[in-house]
PDB file of N, CA and C in Angstrom:
ATOM      1  N   MET A   1      86.383  96.643  72.279  1.00  0.00           N
ATOM      2  CA  MET A   1      87.138  97.859  72.600  1.00  0.00           C
ATOM      3  C   MET A   1      87.221  97.997  74.165  1.00  0.00           C
ATOM      4  N   LEU A   2      88.348  98.337  74.469  1.00  0.00           N
ATOM      5  CA  LEU A   2      88.746  98.858  75.777  1.00  0.00           C
ATOM      6  C   LEU A   2      88.962 100.204  76.200  1.00  0.00           C
ATOM      7  N   ASN A   3      88.185 100.836  76.552  1.00  0.00           N
ATOM      8  CA  ASN A   3      88.504 102.369  76.951  1.00  0.00           C
ATOM      9  C   ASN A   3      89.254 102.646  78.413  1.00  0.00           C
ATOM     10  N   TYR A   4      90.210 103.390  78.512  1.00  0.00           N
ATOM     11  CA  TYR A   4      90.844 103.326  79.638  1.00  0.00           C
ATOM     12  C   TYR A   4      91.285 104.563  79.875  1.00  0.00           C
ATOM     13  N   SER A   5      91.396 105.104  81.264  1.00  0.00           N
ATOM     14  CA  SER A   5      92.167 106.443  81.466  1.00  0.00           C
ATOM     15  C   SER A   5      92.832 106.027  82.863  1.00  0.00           C
ATOM     16  N   LEU A   6      93.902 106.872  82.919  1.00  0.00           N
ATOM     17  CA  LEU A   6      94.821 106.698  84.247  1.00  0.00           C
ATOM     18  C   LEU A   6      94.671 108.118  84.891  1.00  0.00           C
ATOM     19  N   MET A   7      94.112 107.863  86.220  1.00  0.00           N
ATOM     20  CA  MET A   7      94.281 109.313  87.244  1.00  0.00           C
ATOM     21  C   MET A   7      95.378 109.060  87.733  1.00  0.00           C
ATOM     22  N   LYS A   8      96.367 109.760  87.171  1.00  0.00           N
ATOM     23  CA  LYS A   8      97.800 109.960  87.643  1.00  0.00           C
ATOM     24  C   LYS A   8      98.092 110.144  89.234  1.00  0.00           C
ATOM     25  N   PRO A   9      97.411 111.482  89.512  1.00  0.00           N
ATOM     26  CA  PRO A   9      97.485 111.805  90.928  1.00  0.00           C
ATOM     27  C   PRO A   9      97.133 110.692  91.804  1.00  0.00           C
ATOM     28  N   GLU A  10      96.106 110.098  91.678  1.00  0.00           N
ATOM     29  CA  GLU A  10      95.470 109.148  92.460  1.00  0.00           C
ATOM     30  C   GLU A  10      95.996 107.623  92.475  1.00  0.00           C
ATOM     31  N   GLY A  11      96.642 107.493  91.232  1.00  0.00           N
ATOM     32  CA  GLY A  11      97.079 106.298  90.929  1.00  0.00           C
ATOM     33  C   GLY A  11      96.031 105.368  90.638  1.00  0.00           C
ATOM     34  N   ILE A  12      94.930 105.747  90.077  1.00  0.00           N
ATOM     35  CA  ILE A  12      93.803 104.696  89.865  1.00  0.00           C
ATOM     36  C   ILE A  12      93.553 104.563  88.315  1.00  0.00           C
ATOM     37  N   LEU A  13      93.517 103.240  87.883  1.00  0.00           N
ATOM     38  CA  LEU A  13      93.243 103.086  86.279  1.00  0.00           C
ATOM     39  C   LEU A  13      91.720 102.770  86.217  1.00  0.00           C
ATOM     40  N   LEU A  14      91.147 103.320  85.349  1.00  0.00           N
ATOM     41  CA  LEU A  14      89.746 103.223  84.970  1.00  0.00           C
ATOM     42  C   LEU A  14      89.742 102.377  83.679  1.00  0.00           C
ATOM     43  N   LEU A  15      88.982 101.126  83.525  1.00  0.00           N
ATOM     44  CA  LEU A  15      88.893 100.334  82.553  1.00  0.00           C
ATOM     45  C   LEU A  15      87.318 100.142  82.266  1.00  0.00           C
ATOM     46  N   GLU A  16      86.887 100.578  81.019  1.00  0.00           N
ATOM     47  CA  GLU A  16      85.658 100.273  80.521  1.00  0.00           C
ATOM     48  C   GLU A  16      85.676  99.475  79.171  1.00  0.00           C
ATOM     49  N   PRO A  17      85.321  97.975  79.178  1.00  0.00           N
ATOM     50  CA  PRO A  17      85.059  97.270  77.983  1.00  0.00           C
ATOM     51  C   PRO A  17      83.879  97.566  77.391  1.00  0.00           C
ATOM     52  N   HIS A  18      83.959  97.752  76.174  1.00  0.00           N
ATOM     53  CA  HIS A  18      82.680  97.866  75.177  1.00  0.00           C
ATOM     54  C   HIS A  18      82.847  96.768  74.145  1.00  0.00           C
ATOM     55  N   GLY A  19      82.197  95.713  74.307  1.00  0.00           N
ATOM     56  CA  GLY A  19      82.473  94.890  73.189  1.00  0.00           C
ATOM     57  C   GLY A  19      83.665  93.769  73.510  1.00  0.00           C
ATOM     58  N   PRO A  20      83.729  92.683  72.769  1.00  0.00           N
ATOM     59  CA  PRO A  20      84.802  91.679  73.166  1.00  0.00           C
ATOM     60  C   PRO A  20      86.171  92.299  73.056  1.00  0.00           C
ATOM     61  N   LEU A  21      86.718  91.679  74.052  1.00  0.00           N
ATOM     62  CA  LEU A  21      88.441  92.223  74.271  1.00  0.00           C
ATOM     63  C   LEU A  21      89.129  91.621  73.167  1.00  0.00           C
ATOM     64  N   THR A  22      90.312  92.395  72.937  1.00  0.00           N
ATOM     65  CA  THR A  22      91.050  92.150  71.856  1.00  0.00           C
ATOM     66  C   THR A  22      92.767  91.983  72.449  1.00  0.00           C
ATOM     67  N   ARG A  23      93.610  91.528  71.570  1.00  0.00           N
ATOM     68  CA  ARG A  23      95.007  91.967  72.031  1.00  0.00           C
ATOM     69  C   ARG A  23      95.378  93.187  71.737  1.00  0.00           C
ATOM     70  N   GLN A  24      94.888  93.960  70.931  1.00  0.00           N
ATOM     71  CA  GLN A  24      95.380  95.310  70.721  1.00  0.00           C
ATOM     72  C   GLN A  24      94.693  96.327  71.847  1.00  0.00           C
ATOM     73  N   ASP A  25      93.657  95.811  72.490  1.00  0.00           N
ATOM     74  CA  ASP A  25      92.997  96.345  73.671  1.00  0.00           C
ATOM     75  C   ASP A  25      93.999  96.512  74.698  1.00  0.00           C
ATOM     76  N   PHE A  26      94.684  95.733  74.704  1.00  0.00           N
ATOM     77  CA  PHE A  26      95.867  95.760  76.029  1.00  0.00           C
ATOM     78  C   PHE A  26      97.085  96.612  75.954  1.00  0.00           C
ATOM     79  N   ASP A  27      97.328  96.672  74.475  1.00  0.00           N
ATOM     80  CA  ASP A  27      98.894  97.249  73.973  1.00  0.00           C
ATOM     81  C   ASP A  27      98.923  98.491  74.612  1.00  0.00           C
ATOM     82  N   GLY A  28      97.937  99.613  74.508  1.00  0.00           N
ATOM     83  CA  GLY A  28      98.002 100.927  74.979  1.00  0.00           C
ATOM     84  C   GLY A  28      98.033 100.990  76.452  1.00  0.00           C
ATOM     85  N   VAL A  29      97.135 100.258  77.080  1.00  0.00           N
ATOM     86  CA  VAL A  29      96.821 100.135  78.525  1.00  0.00           C
ATOM     87  C   VAL A  29      98.181  99.486  79.160  1.00  0.00           C
ATOM     88  N   ASP A  30      98.855  98.498  78.596  1.00  0.00           N
ATOM     89  CA  ASP A  30      99.965  97.903  79.135  1.00  0.00           C
ATOM     90  C   ASP A  30     101.190  99.084  79.228  1.00  0.00           C
ATOM     91  N   GLN A  31     101.266  99.739  77.984  1.00  0.00           N
ATOM     92  CA  GLN A  31     102.345 100.933  78.039  1.00  0.00           C
ATOM     93  C   GLN A  31     102.192 101.704  78.959  1.00  0.00           C
ATOM     94  N   ASP A  32     100.893 102.316  79.210  1.00  0.00           N
ATOM     95  CA  ASP A  32     100.500 103.558  80.013  1.00  0.00           C
ATOM     96  C   ASP A  32     100.913 103.087  81.546  1.00  0.00           C
ATOM     97  N   VAL A  33     100.234 101.822  81.675  1.00  0.00           N
ATOM     98  CA  VAL A  33     100.494 101.315  83.270  1.00  0.00           C
ATOM     99  C   VAL A  33     101.963 100.926  83.573  1.00  0.00           C
ATOM    100  N   ASN A  34     102.722 100.372  82.712  1.00  0.00           N
ATOM    101  CA  ASN A  34     104.255 100.248  82.671  1.00  0.00           C
ATOM    102  C   ASN A  34     105.002 101.582  83.050  1.00  0.00           C
ATOM    103  N   ALA A  35     104.545 102.619  82.320  1.00  0.00           N
ATOM    104  CA  ALA A  35     105.154 103.892  82.299  1.00  0.00           C
ATOM    105  C   ALA A  35     104.893 104.583  83.892  1.00  0.00           C
ATOM    106  N   PHE A  36     103.713 104.345  84.288  1.00  0.00           N
ATOM    107  CA  PHE A  36     103.114 104.873  85.604  1.00  0.00           C
ATOM    108  C   PHE A  36     104.037 104.044  86.654  1.00  0.00           C
ATOM    109  N   LEU A  37     103.977 102.679  86.499  1.00  0.00           N
ATOM    110  CA  LEU A  37     104.814 101.948  87.444  1.00  0.00           C
ATOM    111  C   LEU A  37     106.351 101.989  87.612  1.00  0.00           C
ATOM    112  N   ALA A  38     106.883 102.690  86.371  1.00  0.00           N
ATOM    113  CA  ALA A  38     108.318 102.989  86.463  1.00  0.00           C
ATOM    114  C   ALA A  38     108.534 104.121  87.310  1.00  0.00           C
ATOM    115  N   GLU A  39     107.820 104.886  87.597  1.00  0.00           N
ATOM    116  CA  GLU A  39     107.816 106.083  88.523  1.00  0.00           C
ATOM    117  C   GLU A  39     107.448 105.996  90.042  1.00  0.00           C
ATOM    118  N   HIS A  40     106.327 105.043  90.040  1.00  0.00           N
ATOM    119  CA  HIS A  40     105.584 104.619  91.299  1.00  0.00           C
ATOM    120  C   HIS A  40     105.612 103.437  91.740  1.00  0.00           C
ATOM    121  N   PRO A  41     105.492 102.821  92.970  1.00  0.00           N
ATOM    122  CA  PRO A  41     105.621 101.637  93.171  1.00  0.00           C
ATOM    123  C   PRO A  41     104.512 100.655  93.003  1.00  0.00           C
ATOM    124  N   LYS A  42     103.231 101.348  93.019  1.00  0.00           N
ATOM    125  CA  LYS A  42     101.876 100.498  92.933  1.00  0.00           C
ATOM    126  C   LYS A  42     100.930 101.507  92.228  1.00  0.00           C
ATOM    127  N   LEU A  43      99.807 100.859  91.615  1.00  0.00           N
ATOM    128  CA  LEU A  43      98.665 101.683  91.398  1.00  0.00           C
ATOM    129  C   LEU A  43      97.627 101.433  92.675  1.00  0.00           C
ATOM    130  N   HIS A  44      97.182 102.579  93.200  1.00  0.00           N
ATOM    131  CA  HIS A  44      96.426 102.355  94.443  1.00  0.00           C
ATOM    132  C   HIS A  44      95.063 101.798  94.004  1.00  0.00           C
ATOM    133  N   GLY A  45      94.649 101.804  92.868  1.00  0.00           N
ATOM    134  CA  GLY A  45      93.321 101.154  92.647  1.00  0.00           C
ATOM    135  C   GLY A  45      93.300 100.921  91.012  1.00  0.00           C
ATOM    136  N   MET A  46      92.154 100.219  90.842  1.00  0.00           N
ATOM    137  CA  MET A  46      91.857  99.892  89.257  1.00  0.00           C
ATOM    138  C   MET A  46      90.275  99.626  89.300  1.00  0.00           C
ATOM    139  N   MET A  47      89.409 100.391  88.534  1.00  0.00           N
ATOM    140  CA  MET A  47      88.118 100.417  88.381  1.00  0.00           C
ATOM    141  C   MET A  47      87.777  99.515  87.034  1.00  0.00           C
ATOM    142  N   VAL A  48      87.089  98.372  87.176  1.00  0.00           N
ATOM    143  CA  VAL A  48      86.689  97.742  85.714  1.00  0.00           C
ATOM    144  C   VAL A  48      84.973  98.059  85.782  1.00  0.00           C
ATOM    145  N   GLN A  49      84.662  98.682  84.895  1.00  0.00           N
ATOM    146  CA  GLN A  49      83.274  99.255  84.842  1.00  0.00           C
ATOM    147  C   GLN A  49      82.696  98.683  83.540  1.00  0.00           C
ATOM    148  N   ALA A  50      81.633  97.708  83.622  1.00  0.00           N
ATOM    149  CA  ALA A  50      80.805  97.128  82.351  1.00  0.00           C
ATOM    150  C   ALA A  50      79.432  96.716  82.764  1.00  0.00           C
ATOM    151  N   LYS A  51      78.373  97.092  82.073  1.00  0.00           N
ATOM    152  CA  LYS A  51      77.155  96.520  82.760  1.00  0.00           C
ATOM    153  C   LYS A  51      77.111  94.888  82.573  1.00  0.00           C
ATOM    154  N   ASP A  52      77.752  94.323  81.579  1.00  0.00           N
ATOM    155  CA  ASP A  52      77.631  93.106  81.260  1.00  0.00           C
ATOM    156  C   ASP A  52      79.353  92.795  80.976  1.00  0.00           C
ATOM    157  N   PHE A  53      79.887  91.410  81.169  1.00  0.00           N
ATOM    158  CA  PHE A  53      81.476  91.170  80.704  1.00  0.00           C
ATOM    159  C   PHE A  53      81.206  90.776  79.300  1.00  0.00           C
ATOM    160  N   PRO A  54      81.785  91.589  78.403  1.00  0.00           N
ATOM    161  CA  PRO A  54      81.747  91.191  76.924  1.00  0.00           C
ATOM    162  C   PRO A  54      82.547  89.991  76.439  1.00  0.00           C
ATOM    163  N   GLY A  55      83.370  89.637  77.269  1.00  0.00           N
ATOM    164  CA  GLY A  55      84.103  88.481  76.671  1.00  0.00           C
ATOM    165  C   GLY A  55      85.491  88.713  75.923  1.00  0.00           C
ATOM    166  N   TRP A  56      85.900  87.804  75.163  1.00  0.00           N
ATOM    167  CA  TRP A  56      87.108  88.065  74.419  1.00  0.00           C
ATOM    168  C   TRP A  56      86.793  87.653  72.828  1.00  0.00           C
ATOM    169  N   GLU A  57      87.450  88.575  71.992  1.00  0.00           N
ATOM    170  CA  GLU A  57      87.218  88.262  70.661  1.00  0.00           C
ATOM    171  C   GLU A  57      87.766  86.946  70.229  1.00  0.00           C
ATOM    172  N   ASN A  58      88.863  86.582  70.720  1.00  0.00           N
ATOM    173  CA  ASN A  58      89.409  85.257  70.249  1.00  0.00           C
ATOM    174  C   ASN A  58      90.346  84.837  71.150  1.00  0.00           C
ATOM    175  N   TRP A  59      91.267  83.651  71.071  1.00  0.00           N
ATOM    176  CA  TRP A  59      92.349  83.433  72.045  1.00  0.00           C
ATOM    177  C   TRP A  59      93.310  84.490  72.162  1.00  0.00           C
ATOM    178  N   ALA A  60      93.642  85.254  71.150  1.00  0.00           N
ATOM    179  CA  ALA A  60      94.917  86.374  71.343  1.00  0.00           C
ATOM    180  C   ALA A  60      94.148  87.282  72.538  1.00  0.00           C
ATOM    181  N   GLY A  61      92.832  87.592  72.513  1.00  0.00           N
ATOM    182  CA  GLY A  61      92.238  88.713  73.282  1.00  0.00           C
ATOM    183  C   GLY A  61      92.560  88.041  74.726  1.00  0.00           C
ATOM    184  N   PHE A  62      92.034  86.748  74.799  1.00  0.00           N
ATOM    185  CA  PHE A  62      92.077  86.061  76.154  1.00  0.00           C
ATOM    186  C   PHE A  62      93.497  86.126  76.683  1.00  0.00           C
ATOM    187  N   SER A  63      94.468  85.683  75.899  1.00  0.00           N
ATOM    188  CA  SER A  63      95.860  85.457  76.187  1.00  0.00           C
ATOM    189  C   SER A  63      96.447  87.007  76.740  1.00  0.00           C
ATOM    190  N   ALA A  64      96.131  87.898  75.952  1.00  0.00           N
ATOM    191  CA  ALA A  64      96.456  89.323  76.321  1.00  0.00           C
ATOM    192  C   ALA A  64      96.167  89.815  77.715  1.00  0.00           C
ATOM    193  N   HIS A  65      94.805  89.582  77.764  1.00  0.00           N
ATOM    194  CA  HIS A  65      94.165  89.930  79.111  1.00  0.00           C
ATOM    195  C   HIS A  65      94.832  89.244  80.402  1.00  0.00           C
ATOM    196  N   MET A  66      95.064  87.797  80.120  1.00  0.00           N
ATOM    197  CA  MET A  66      95.701  86.996  81.288  1.00  0.00           C
ATOM    198  C   MET A  66      97.285  87.559  81.509  1.00  0.00           C
ATOM    199  N   SER A  67      97.793  87.707  80.462  1.00  0.00           N
ATOM    200  CA  SER A  67      99.119  88.321  80.362  1.00  0.00           C
ATOM    201  C   SER A  67      99.264  89.597  81.293  1.00  0.00           C
ATOM    202  N   PHE A  68      98.327  90.527  81.045  1.00  0.00           N
ATOM    203  CA  PHE A  68      98.206  91.771  81.703  1.00  0.00           C
ATOM    204  C   PHE A  68      97.999  91.740  83.277  1.00  0.00           C
ATOM    205  N   VAL A  69      96.920  90.706  83.398  1.00  0.00           N
ATOM    206  CA  VAL A  69      96.517  90.371  84.904  1.00  0.00           C
ATOM    207  C   VAL A  69      97.950  89.846  85.370  1.00  0.00           C
ATOM    208  N   ARG A  70      98.635  88.800  84.872  1.00  0.00           N
ATOM    209  CA  ARG A  70      99.846  88.147  85.572  1.00  0.00           C
ATOM    210  C   ARG A  70     101.028  89.172  85.751  1.00  0.00           C
ATOM    211  N   HIS A  71     101.207  90.059  84.802  1.00  0.00           N
ATOM    212  CA  HIS A  71     102.299  90.949  84.948  1.00  0.00           C
ATOM    213  C   HIS A  71     101.918  92.192  85.868  1.00  0.00           C
ATOM    214  N   HIS A  72     100.760  92.491  86.374  1.00  0.00           N
ATOM    215  CA  HIS A  72     100.393  93.446  87.180  1.00  0.00           C
ATOM    216  C   HIS A  72      99.571  93.491  88.359  1.00  0.00           C
ATOM    217  N   HIS A  73      99.072  92.054  88.694  1.00  0.00           N
ATOM    218  CA  HIS A  73      98.369  92.081  89.733  1.00  0.00           C
ATOM    219  C   HIS A  73      99.037  92.004  91.097  1.00  0.00           C
ATOM    220  N   LYS A  74     100.191  92.070  91.252  1.00  0.00           N
ATOM    221  CA  LYS A  74     101.105  92.341  92.265  1.00  0.00           C
ATOM    222  C   LYS A  74     101.287  93.871  92.836  1.00  0.00           C
ATOM    223  N   GLN A  75     100.963  94.552  91.751  1.00  0.00           N
ATOM    224  CA  GLN A  75     101.254  96.053  91.767  1.00  0.00           C
ATOM    225  C   GLN A  75      99.938  96.995  91.748  1.00  0.00           C
ATOM    226  N   VAL A  76      98.803  96.356  92.158  1.00  0.00           N
ATOM    227  CA  VAL A  76      97.584  96.912  92.129  1.00  0.00           C
ATOM    228  C   VAL A  76      97.100  96.652  93.920  1.00  0.00           C
ATOM    229  N   GLU A  77      96.659  97.752  94.540  1.00  0.00           N
ATOM    230  CA  GLU A  77      96.197  97.489  95.933  1.00  0.00           C
ATOM    231  C   GLU A  77      94.832  97.152  95.967  1.00  0.00           C
ATOM    232  N   HIS A  78      93.863  97.641  95.120  1.00  0.00           N
ATOM    233  CA  HIS A  78      92.461  97.725  95.216  1.00  0.00           C
ATOM    234  C   HIS A  78      91.971  97.431  93.822  1.00  0.00           C
ATOM    235  N   ILE A  79      90.849  96.549  93.823  1.00  0.00           N
ATOM    236  CA  ILE A  79      90.334  96.500  92.394  1.00  0.00           C
ATOM    237  C   ILE A  79      88.737  96.547  92.621  1.00  0.00           C
ATOM    238  N   ALA A  80      88.214  97.257  92.083  1.00  0.00           N
ATOM    239  CA  ALA A  80      86.708  97.570  92.153  1.00  0.00           C
ATOM    240  C   ALA A  80      86.030  97.085  90.888  1.00  0.00           C
ATOM    241  N   LEU A  81      85.120  95.926  90.772  1.00  0.00           N
ATOM    242  CA  LEU A  81      84.447  95.516  89.613  1.00  0.00           C
ATOM    243  C   LEU A  81      83.073  96.008  89.822  1.00  0.00           C
ATOM    244  N   VAL A  82      82.797  96.793  88.721  1.00  0.00           N
ATOM    245  CA  VAL A  82      81.453  97.619  88.930  1.00  0.00           C
ATOM    246  C   VAL A  82      80.782  96.986  87.724  1.00  0.00           C
ATOM    247  N   THR A  83      79.936  96.258  87.925  1.00  0.00           N
ATOM    248  CA  THR A  83      79.105  95.457  86.829  1.00  0.00           C
ATOM    249  C   THR A  83      77.879  94.651  87.397  1.00  0.00           C
ATOM    250  N   ASP A  84      77.185  94.701  86.582  1.00  0.00           N
ATOM    251  CA  ASP A  84      75.911  93.729  86.990  1.00  0.00           C
ATOM    252  C   ASP A  84      76.068  92.172  86.518  1.00  0.00           C
ATOM    253  N   SER A  85      77.234  92.047  85.872  1.00  0.00           N
ATOM    254  CA  SER A  85      77.427  90.548  85.365  1.00  0.00           C
ATOM    255  C   SER A  85      77.467  89.565  86.175  1.00  0.00           C
ATOM    256  N   GLN A  86      76.717  88.344  85.848  1.00  0.00           N
ATOM    257  CA  GLN A  86      76.536  87.248  86.717  1.00  0.00           C
ATOM    258  C   GLN A  86      78.151  86.845  87.070  1.00  0.00           C
ATOM    259  N   LEU A  87      78.905  86.953  86.224  1.00  0.00           N
ATOM    260  CA  LEU A  87      80.489  86.534  86.579  1.00  0.00           C
ATOM    261  C   LEU A  87      81.234  87.361  87.558  1.00  0.00           C
ATOM    262  N   ALA A  88      80.538  88.472  87.919  1.00  0.00           N
ATOM    263  CA  ALA A  88      81.233  89.315  89.032  1.00  0.00           C
ATOM    264  C   ALA A  88      81.553  88.451  90.175  1.00  0.00           C
ATOM    265  N   GLY A  89      80.683  87.898  90.725  1.00  0.00           N
ATOM    266  CA  GLY A  89      80.794  87.161  92.027  1.00  0.00           C
ATOM    267  C   GLY A  89      82.108  85.932  91.936  1.00  0.00           C
ATOM    268  N   MET A  90      82.136  85.281  90.927  1.00  0.00           N
ATOM    269  CA  MET A  90      83.169  84.239  90.788  1.00  0.00           C
ATOM    270  C   MET A  90      84.533  85.379  90.532  1.00  0.00           C
ATOM    271  N   ALA A  91      84.361  86.274  89.643  1.00  0.00           N
ATOM    272  CA  ALA A  91      85.685  87.031  89.363  1.00  0.00           C
ATOM    273  C   ALA A  91      86.224  87.700  90.942  1.00  0.00           C
ATOM    274  N   GLU A  92      85.387  88.271  91.972  1.00  0.00           N
ATOM    275  CA  GLU A  92      85.426  88.458  93.128  1.00  0.00           C
ATOM    276  C   GLU A  92      86.159  87.530  93.817  1.00  0.00           C
ATOM    277  N   PHE A  93      85.528  86.247  93.785  1.00  0.00           N
ATOM    278  CA  PHE A  93      86.179  85.114  94.493  1.00  0.00           C
ATOM    279  C   PHE A  93      87.400  84.752  94.200  1.00  0.00           C
ATOM    280  N   LEU A  94      87.624  84.724  92.987  1.00  0.00           N
ATOM    281  CA  LEU A  94      88.922  84.059  92.259  1.00  0.00           C
ATOM    282  C   LEU A  94      89.944  85.207  92.527  1.00  0.00           C
ATOM    283  N   GLY A  95      89.530  86.450  92.455  1.00  0.00           N
ATOM    284  CA  GLY A  95      90.581  87.552  92.740  1.00  0.00           C
ATOM    285  C   GLY A  95      91.137  87.807  94.085  1.00  0.00           C
ATOM    286  N   LYS A  96      90.203  87.319  94.948  1.00  0.00           N
ATOM    287  CA  LYS A  96      90.534  87.382  96.343  1.00  0.00           C
ATOM    288  C   LYS A  96      91.650  86.380  96.824  1.00  0.00           C
ATOM    289  N   HIS A  97      91.533  85.100  95.970  1.00  0.00           N
ATOM    290  CA  HIS A  97      92.332  83.938  96.366  1.00  0.00           C
ATOM    291  C   HIS A  97      93.756  83.960  95.639  1.00  0.00           C
ATOM    292  N   LEU A  98      93.516  84.762  94.203  1.00  0.00           N
ATOM    293  CA  LEU A  98      94.823  84.475  93.506  1.00  0.00           C
ATOM    294  C   LEU A  98      95.477  85.757  93.235  1.00  0.00           C
ATOM    295  N   MET A  99      95.066  87.157  93.816  1.00  0.00           N
ATOM    296  CA  MET A  99      95.646  88.067  93.508  1.00  0.00           C
ATOM    297  C   MET A  99      96.183  88.898  94.979  1.00  0.00           C
ATOM    298  N   ASP A 100      97.262  89.642  94.848  1.00  0.00           N
ATOM    299  CA  ASP A 100      97.576  90.524  96.232  1.00  0.00           C
ATOM    300  C   ASP A 100      96.546  91.473  96.492  1.00  0.00           C
ATOM    301  N   ALA A 101      95.671  92.099  95.372  1.00  0.00           N
ATOM    302  CA  ALA A 101      94.896  93.117  95.335  1.00  0.00           C
ATOM    303  C   ALA A 101      93.484  92.682  96.353  1.00  0.00           C
ATOM    304  N   GLU A 102      93.294  93.922  97.116  1.00  0.00           N
ATOM    305  CA  GLU A 102      91.891  93.513  97.520  1.00  0.00           C
ATOM    306  C   GLU A 102      90.889  93.916  96.558  1.00  0.00           C
ATOM    307  N   VAL A 103      89.706  92.814  96.290  1.00  0.00           N
ATOM    308  CA  VAL A 103      88.916  93.055  95.262  1.00  0.00           C
ATOM    309  C   VAL A 103      87.470  93.093  95.797  1.00  0.00           C
ATOM    310  N   ARG A 104      86.580  93.846  95.309  1.00  0.00           N
ATOM    311  CA  ARG A 104      85.302  94.212  95.862  1.00  0.00           C
ATOM    312  C   ARG A 104      84.451  94.467  94.523  1.00  0.00           C
ATOM    313  N   HIS A 105      83.119  93.830  94.635  1.00  0.00           N
ATOM    314  CA  HIS A 105      82.208  93.869  93.837  1.00  0.00           C
ATOM    315  C   HIS A 105      81.276  95.165  93.916  1.00  0.00           C
ATOM    316  N   PHE A 106      80.877  95.847  92.931  1.00  0.00           N
ATOM    317  CA  PHE A 106      79.834  97.033  92.980  1.00  0.00           C
ATOM    318  C   PHE A 106      78.809  96.575  92.234  1.00  0.00           C
ATOM    319  N   PRO A 107      77.604  96.938  92.371  1.00  0.00           N
ATOM    320  CA  PRO A 107      76.465  97.121  91.120  1.00  0.00           C
ATOM    321  C   PRO A 107      76.932  98.103  90.235  1.00  0.00           C
ATOM    322  N   PHE A 108      76.350  98.133  89.019  1.00  0.00           N
ATOM    323  CA  PHE A 108      76.729  98.723  87.995  1.00  0.00           C
ATOM    324  C   PHE A 108      76.490 100.514  88.249  1.00  0.00           C
ATOM    325  N   THR A 109      75.469 100.787  88.818  1.00  0.00           N
ATOM    326  CA  THR A 109      75.133 101.872  89.127  1.00  0.00           C
ATOM    327  C   THR A 109      75.810 102.611  90.326  1.00  0.00           C
ATOM    328  N   GLU A 110      76.658 101.798  90.992  1.00  0.00           N
ATOM    329  CA  GLU A 110      77.138 102.413  92.223  1.00  0.00           C
ATOM    330  C   GLU A 110      78.772 102.575  91.945  1.00  0.00           C
ATOM    331  N   ASP A 111      79.014 103.461  90.874  1.00  0.00           N
ATOM    332  CA  ASP A 111      80.355 103.531  90.373  1.00  0.00           C
ATOM    333  C   ASP A 111      80.941 104.799  91.414  1.00  0.00           C
ATOM    334  N   ALA A 112      80.182 105.441  91.911  1.00  0.00           N
ATOM    335  CA  ALA A 112      80.645 106.577  92.715  1.00  0.00           C
ATOM    336  C   ALA A 112      81.147 106.197  94.080  1.00  0.00           C
ATOM    337  N   GLN A 113      80.285 104.894  94.804  1.00  0.00           N
ATOM    338  CA  GLN A 113      80.812 104.468  95.745  1.00  0.00           C
ATOM    339  C   GLN A 113      82.055 103.679  95.537  1.00  0.00           C
ATOM    340  N   ALA A 114      82.069 102.868  94.330  1.00  0.00           N
ATOM    341  CA  ALA A 114      83.339 102.280  94.119  1.00  0.00           C
ATOM    342  C   ALA A 114      84.671 103.090  94.122  1.00  0.00           C
ATOM    343  N   MET A 115      84.263 104.167  93.301  1.00  0.00           N
ATOM    344  CA  MET A 115      85.418 105.414  93.503  1.00  0.00           C
ATOM    345  C   MET A 115      85.701 105.842  94.757  1.00  0.00           C
ATOM    346  N   GLN A 116      85.058 106.049  95.531  1.00  0.00           N
ATOM    347  CA  GLN A 116      85.133 106.423  96.994  1.00  0.00           C
ATOM    348  C   GLN A 116      86.160 105.243  97.523  1.00  0.00           C
ATOM    349  N   TRP A 117      85.628 104.055  97.621  1.00  0.00           N
ATOM    350  CA  TRP A 117      86.318 103.041  98.000  1.00  0.00           C
ATOM    351  C   TRP A 117      87.673 102.937  97.690  1.00  0.00           C
ATOM    352  N   LEU A 118      87.917 102.974  96.501  1.00  0.00           N
ATOM    353  CA  LEU A 118      89.232 103.192  95.763  1.00  0.00           C
ATOM    354  C   LEU A 118      90.213 104.323  96.186  1.00  0.00           C
ATOM    355  N   GLN A 119      89.608 105.301  96.493  1.00  0.00           N
ATOM    356  CA  GLN A 119      90.263 106.616  96.942  1.00  0.00           C
ATOM    357  C   GLN A 119      90.614 106.637  98.528  1.00  0.00           C
ATOM    358  N   SER A 120      89.828 105.668  99.353  1.00  0.00           N
ATOM    359  CA  SER A 120      89.937 105.630 100.880  1.00  0.00           C
ATOM    360  C   SER A 120      91.286 105.181 101.061  1.00  0.00           C
TER     361      SER A 120
END
């Protein structure tokens, strides 16, 4: 399950995965982000917050996740990865080289600092 909220005035998307990600998890967030981007040039930031990375339920979940990234990565200015997952370092490294967004990792307990960074 992927919980999300869009802080519209700030242009910040909050993502909180709980359990393996599914194709359906990305349906709602994709619609809401597309609606926001129809009226704004970019998302100022995105925070992904999870103690550990939950993985994907199946290939369809992985594919939907990669499709979401492919369609939106040029429209996000900053990405905060707020997690204690061992994969965070690799995700930050890949993000810095494959995405237009500035990507930064924060420990799971530093969500307030991550939000300050996104809002700066």
